Amino acid sequence: MDDEEAGMIGDTGSYPLRVENLITNIVYNACGRDVTHVFVCGECLIDEQRLTRFDKAEAIREVQVVAEKVWERSKPLLAAEGMP
């Protein structure tokens, strides 16, 4: 192993991934889809890219209720503009 290869832990394609630039690469090149697990105070909040404390069905029900209220409140405005 020559001096250029010492400390290399991978290759990003554009430049070598080294121990010295590992954190910089993670901070500036990672995105949300790179996160598979998140633990906070020992509790898993994201497992295999899925929120563990989020009830999708409940959220959809809540959004539906709000959307119906918005629709009802917008009817007079739409009628004033000649829209059904």
N, C-alpha and C. Protein backbone atom coordinates (compact mmCIF):
# COMPACT_ATOMS: atom_id res chain seq x y z
N MET A 1 0.85 -1.17 0.00
CA MET A 1 0.00 0.00 0.00
C MET A 1 0.90 1.23 0.00
N ASP A 2 0.70 2.14 -0.98
CA ASP A 2 1.52 3.33 -1.02
C ASP A 2 0.92 4.43 -0.15
N ASP A 3 1.58 5.58 -0.09
CA ASP A 3 1.15 6.66 0.80
C ASP A 3 -0.23 7.20 0.43
N GLU A 4 -0.57 7.22 -0.88
CA GLU A 4 -1.87 7.73 -1.29
C GLU A 4 -3.00 6.84 -0.82
N GLU A 5 -2.77 5.56 -0.68
CA GLU A 5 -3.82 4.64 -0.27
C GLU A 5 -3.96 4.52 1.24
N ALA A 6 -2.98 4.97 1.98
CA ALA A 6 -3.04 4.86 3.43
C ALA A 6 -4.20 5.70 3.96
N GLY A 7 -5.01 5.11 4.80
CA GLY A 7 -6.12 5.82 5.40
C GLY A 7 -7.40 5.78 4.60
N MET A 8 -7.37 5.23 3.39
CA MET A 8 -8.57 5.15 2.58
C MET A 8 -9.52 4.10 3.16
N ILE A 9 -10.81 4.44 3.20
CA ILE A 9 -11.80 3.49 3.67
C ILE A 9 -12.87 3.22 2.61
N GLY A 10 -12.77 3.87 1.49
CA GLY A 10 -13.73 3.65 0.42
C GLY A 10 -13.46 4.61 -0.72
N ASP A 11 -14.36 4.61 -1.69
CA ASP A 11 -14.22 5.48 -2.85
C ASP A 11 -15.59 6.02 -3.20
N THR A 12 -15.71 7.33 -3.25
CA THR A 12 -16.99 7.96 -3.56
C THR A 12 -17.20 8.12 -5.05
N GLY A 13 -16.21 7.80 -5.84
CA GLY A 13 -16.31 7.96 -7.29
C GLY A 13 -15.66 9.25 -7.74
N SER A 14 -15.87 10.33 -7.01
CA SER A 14 -15.28 11.60 -7.39
C SER A 14 -13.94 11.84 -6.69
N TYR A 15 -13.82 11.36 -5.49
CA TYR A 15 -12.55 11.44 -4.78
C TYR A 15 -12.55 10.39 -3.68
N PRO A 16 -11.39 9.98 -3.23
CA PRO A 16 -11.31 8.90 -2.24
C PRO A 16 -11.98 9.28 -0.93
N LEU A 17 -12.61 8.32 -0.32
CA LEU A 17 -13.20 8.50 1.00
C LEU A 17 -12.13 8.11 2.02
N ARG A 18 -11.71 9.04 2.80
CA ARG A 18 -10.66 8.82 3.79
C ARG A 18 -11.20 9.09 5.19
N VAL A 19 -10.52 8.60 6.16
CA VAL A 19 -10.91 8.85 7.55
C VAL A 19 -10.99 10.35 7.80
N GLU A 20 -10.08 11.11 7.20
CA GLU A 20 -10.02 12.55 7.43
C GLU A 20 -11.24 13.29 6.88
N ASN A 21 -11.91 12.75 5.85
CA ASN A 21 -13.05 13.46 5.27
C ASN A 21 -14.37 12.70 5.42
N LEU A 22 -14.39 11.72 6.30
CA LEU A 22 -15.58 10.89 6.48
C LEU A 22 -16.77 11.71 6.97
N ILE A 23 -16.61 12.47 8.04
CA ILE A 23 -17.72 13.25 8.59
C ILE A 23 -18.19 14.28 7.57
N THR A 24 -17.29 14.94 6.90
CA THR A 24 -17.67 15.92 5.88
C THR A 24 -18.50 15.26 4.80
N ASN A 25 -18.10 14.08 4.35
CA ASN A 25 -18.88 13.37 3.34
C ASN A 25 -20.28 13.03 3.82
N ILE A 26 -20.38 12.57 5.04
CA ILE A 26 -21.70 12.22 5.59
C ILE A 26 -22.58 13.46 5.69
N VAL A 27 -22.04 14.54 6.24
CA VAL A 27 -22.83 15.76 6.45
C VAL A 27 -23.25 16.39 5.15
N TYR A 28 -22.35 16.50 4.17
CA TYR A 28 -22.65 17.25 2.96
C TYR A 28 -23.15 16.40 1.80
N ASN A 29 -23.00 15.10 1.84
CA ASN A 29 -23.39 14.27 0.71
C ASN A 29 -24.54 13.31 1.00
N ALA A 30 -24.86 13.10 2.25
CA ALA A 30 -25.96 12.18 2.59
C ALA A 30 -27.30 12.89 2.44
N CYS A 31 -28.34 12.11 2.25
CA CYS A 31 -29.69 12.67 2.19
C CYS A 31 -30.63 11.78 3.00
N GLY A 32 -31.87 12.15 3.09
CA GLY A 32 -32.83 11.44 3.91
C GLY A 32 -32.94 9.97 3.58
N ARG A 33 -32.87 9.62 2.32
CA ARG A 33 -33.03 8.20 1.96
C ARG A 33 -31.82 7.35 2.36
N ASP A 34 -30.74 8.01 2.78
CA ASP A 34 -29.58 7.27 3.28
C ASP A 34 -29.77 6.83 4.72
N VAL A 35 -30.76 7.39 5.41
CA VAL A 35 -31.01 7.06 6.81
C VAL A 35 -31.93 5.86 6.88
N THR A 36 -31.48 4.80 7.53
CA THR A 36 -32.32 3.61 7.66
C THR A 36 -32.81 3.41 9.08
N HIS A 37 -32.06 3.87 10.07
CA HIS A 37 -32.43 3.72 11.47
C HIS A 37 -32.07 4.99 12.23
N VAL A 38 -32.94 5.38 13.17
CA VAL A 38 -32.66 6.51 14.05
C VAL A 38 -33.07 6.11 15.46
N PHE A 39 -32.14 6.28 16.39
CA PHE A 39 -32.41 6.00 17.79
C PHE A 39 -32.21 7.29 18.58
N VAL A 40 -33.16 7.57 19.48
CA VAL A 40 -33.05 8.73 20.37
C VAL A 40 -33.30 8.24 21.79
N CYS A 41 -32.34 8.46 22.63
CA CYS A 41 -32.42 8.01 24.04
C CYS A 41 -32.75 6.53 24.10
N GLY A 42 -32.18 5.74 23.22
CA GLY A 42 -32.37 4.30 23.23
C GLY A 42 -33.64 3.82 22.54
N GLU A 43 -34.50 4.73 22.10
CA GLU A 43 -35.74 4.35 21.43
C GLU A 43 -35.57 4.45 19.92
N CYS A 44 -35.99 3.42 19.22
CA CYS A 44 -35.91 3.41 17.76
C CYS A 44 -37.09 4.22 17.20
N LEU A 45 -36.79 5.34 16.54
CA LEU A 45 -37.83 6.18 15.95
C LEU A 45 -38.01 5.90 14.46
N ILE A 46 -36.96 5.44 13.81
CA ILE A 46 -37.02 5.05 12.40
C ILE A 46 -36.38 3.69 12.29
N ASP A 47 -37.12 2.73 11.73
CA ASP A 47 -36.64 1.37 11.57
C ASP A 47 -36.84 0.97 10.11
N GLU A 48 -35.75 0.64 9.43
CA GLU A 48 -35.81 0.31 8.00
C GLU A 48 -36.54 1.40 7.22
N GLN A 49 -36.20 2.66 7.50
CA GLN A 49 -36.75 3.84 6.84
C GLN A 49 -38.24 4.05 7.09
N ARG A 50 -38.77 3.47 8.15
CA ARG A 50 -40.19 3.65 8.50
C ARG A 50 -40.30 4.25 9.89
N LEU A 51 -41.15 5.25 10.01
CA LEU A 51 -41.39 5.86 11.31
C LEU A 51 -42.09 4.85 12.21
N THR A 52 -41.61 4.71 13.43
CA THR A 52 -42.18 3.73 14.34
C THR A 52 -43.27 4.33 15.22
N ARG A 53 -43.33 5.65 15.32
CA ARG A 53 -44.31 6.30 16.19
C ARG A 53 -45.34 7.08 15.37
N PHE A 54 -45.62 6.61 14.19
CA PHE A 54 -46.52 7.33 13.29
C PHE A 54 -47.59 6.37 12.81
N ASP A 55 -48.84 6.72 13.04
CA ASP A 55 -49.96 5.91 12.60
C ASP A 55 -50.51 6.51 11.32
N LYS A 56 -50.15 5.92 10.19
CA LYS A 56 -50.53 6.46 8.88
C LYS A 56 -52.04 6.54 8.73
N ALA A 57 -52.75 5.52 9.14
CA ALA A 57 -54.21 5.51 9.01
C ALA A 57 -54.83 6.65 9.82
N GLU A 58 -54.34 6.88 11.02
CA GLU A 58 -54.86 7.97 11.86
C GLU A 58 -54.57 9.32 11.22
N ALA A 59 -53.38 9.48 10.67
CA ALA A 59 -53.03 10.73 10.01
C ALA A 59 -53.94 10.99 8.82
N ILE A 60 -54.23 9.96 8.05
CA ILE A 60 -55.13 10.11 6.90
C ILE A 60 -56.52 10.52 7.36
N ARG A 61 -57.01 9.91 8.45
CA ARG A 61 -58.33 10.29 8.98
C ARG A 61 -58.34 11.76 9.40
N GLU A 62 -57.30 12.19 10.09
CA GLU A 62 -57.24 13.59 10.53
C GLU A 62 -57.16 14.55 9.36
N VAL A 63 -56.39 14.21 8.37
CA VAL A 63 -56.27 15.07 7.19
C VAL A 63 -57.61 15.14 6.45
N GLN A 64 -58.31 14.03 6.37
CA GLN A 64 -59.61 14.01 5.71
C GLN A 64 -60.59 14.95 6.40
N VAL A 65 -60.62 14.93 7.73
CA VAL A 65 -61.51 15.81 8.48
C VAL A 65 -61.18 17.28 8.20
N VAL A 66 -59.91 17.62 8.23
CA VAL A 66 -59.49 19.00 7.97
C VAL A 66 -59.83 19.39 6.54
N ALA A 67 -59.59 18.51 5.59
CA ALA A 67 -59.88 18.81 4.18
C ALA A 67 -61.37 19.06 3.97
N GLU A 68 -62.20 18.28 4.62
CA GLU A 68 -63.65 18.48 4.49
C GLU A 68 -64.06 19.83 5.07
N LYS A 69 -63.47 20.23 6.19
CA LYS A 69 -63.78 21.54 6.79
C LYS A 69 -63.33 22.67 5.86
N VAL A 70 -62.15 22.53 5.29
CA VAL A 70 -61.65 23.55 4.36
C VAL A 70 -62.57 23.65 3.15
N TRP A 71 -62.98 22.51 2.63
CA TRP A 71 -63.87 22.49 1.46
C TRP A 71 -65.19 23.20 1.77
N GLU A 72 -65.78 22.90 2.94
CA GLU A 72 -67.04 23.54 3.33
C GLU A 72 -66.88 25.04 3.48
N ARG A 73 -65.78 25.46 4.07
CA ARG A 73 -65.54 26.90 4.27
C ARG A 73 -65.23 27.61 2.96
N SER A 74 -64.75 26.90 1.97
CA SER A 74 -64.41 27.55 0.70
C SER A 74 -65.58 27.66 -0.25
N LYS A 75 -66.67 26.92 0.00
CA LYS A 75 -67.82 26.94 -0.90
C LYS A 75 -68.36 28.34 -1.16
N PRO A 76 -68.56 29.19 -0.13
CA PRO A 76 -69.06 30.55 -0.42
C PRO A 76 -68.10 31.36 -1.30
N LEU A 77 -66.81 31.18 -1.09
CA LEU A 77 -65.82 31.90 -1.91
C LEU A 77 -65.88 31.44 -3.35
N LEU A 78 -65.99 30.13 -3.54
CA LEU A 78 -66.08 29.57 -4.89
C LEU A 78 -67.37 30.03 -5.57
N ALA A 79 -68.47 30.05 -4.83
CA ALA A 79 -69.76 30.48 -5.39
C ALA A 79 -69.68 31.94 -5.81
N ALA A 80 -69.01 32.76 -5.00
CA ALA A 80 -68.87 34.18 -5.34
C ALA A 80 -68.06 34.38 -6.62
N GLU A 81 -67.21 33.45 -6.93
CA GLU A 81 -66.40 33.52 -8.15
C GLU A 81 -67.08 32.80 -9.31
N GLY A 82 -68.30 32.29 -9.07
CA GLY A 82 -69.02 31.60 -10.13
C GLY A 82 -68.54 30.18 -10.36
N MET A 83 -67.92 29.60 -9.36
CA MET A 83 -67.41 28.23 -9.46
C MET A 83 -68.31 27.31 -8.64
N PRO A 84 -68.46 26.08 -9.08
CA PRO A 84 -69.33 25.15 -8.32
C PRO A 84 -68.76 24.76 -6.98
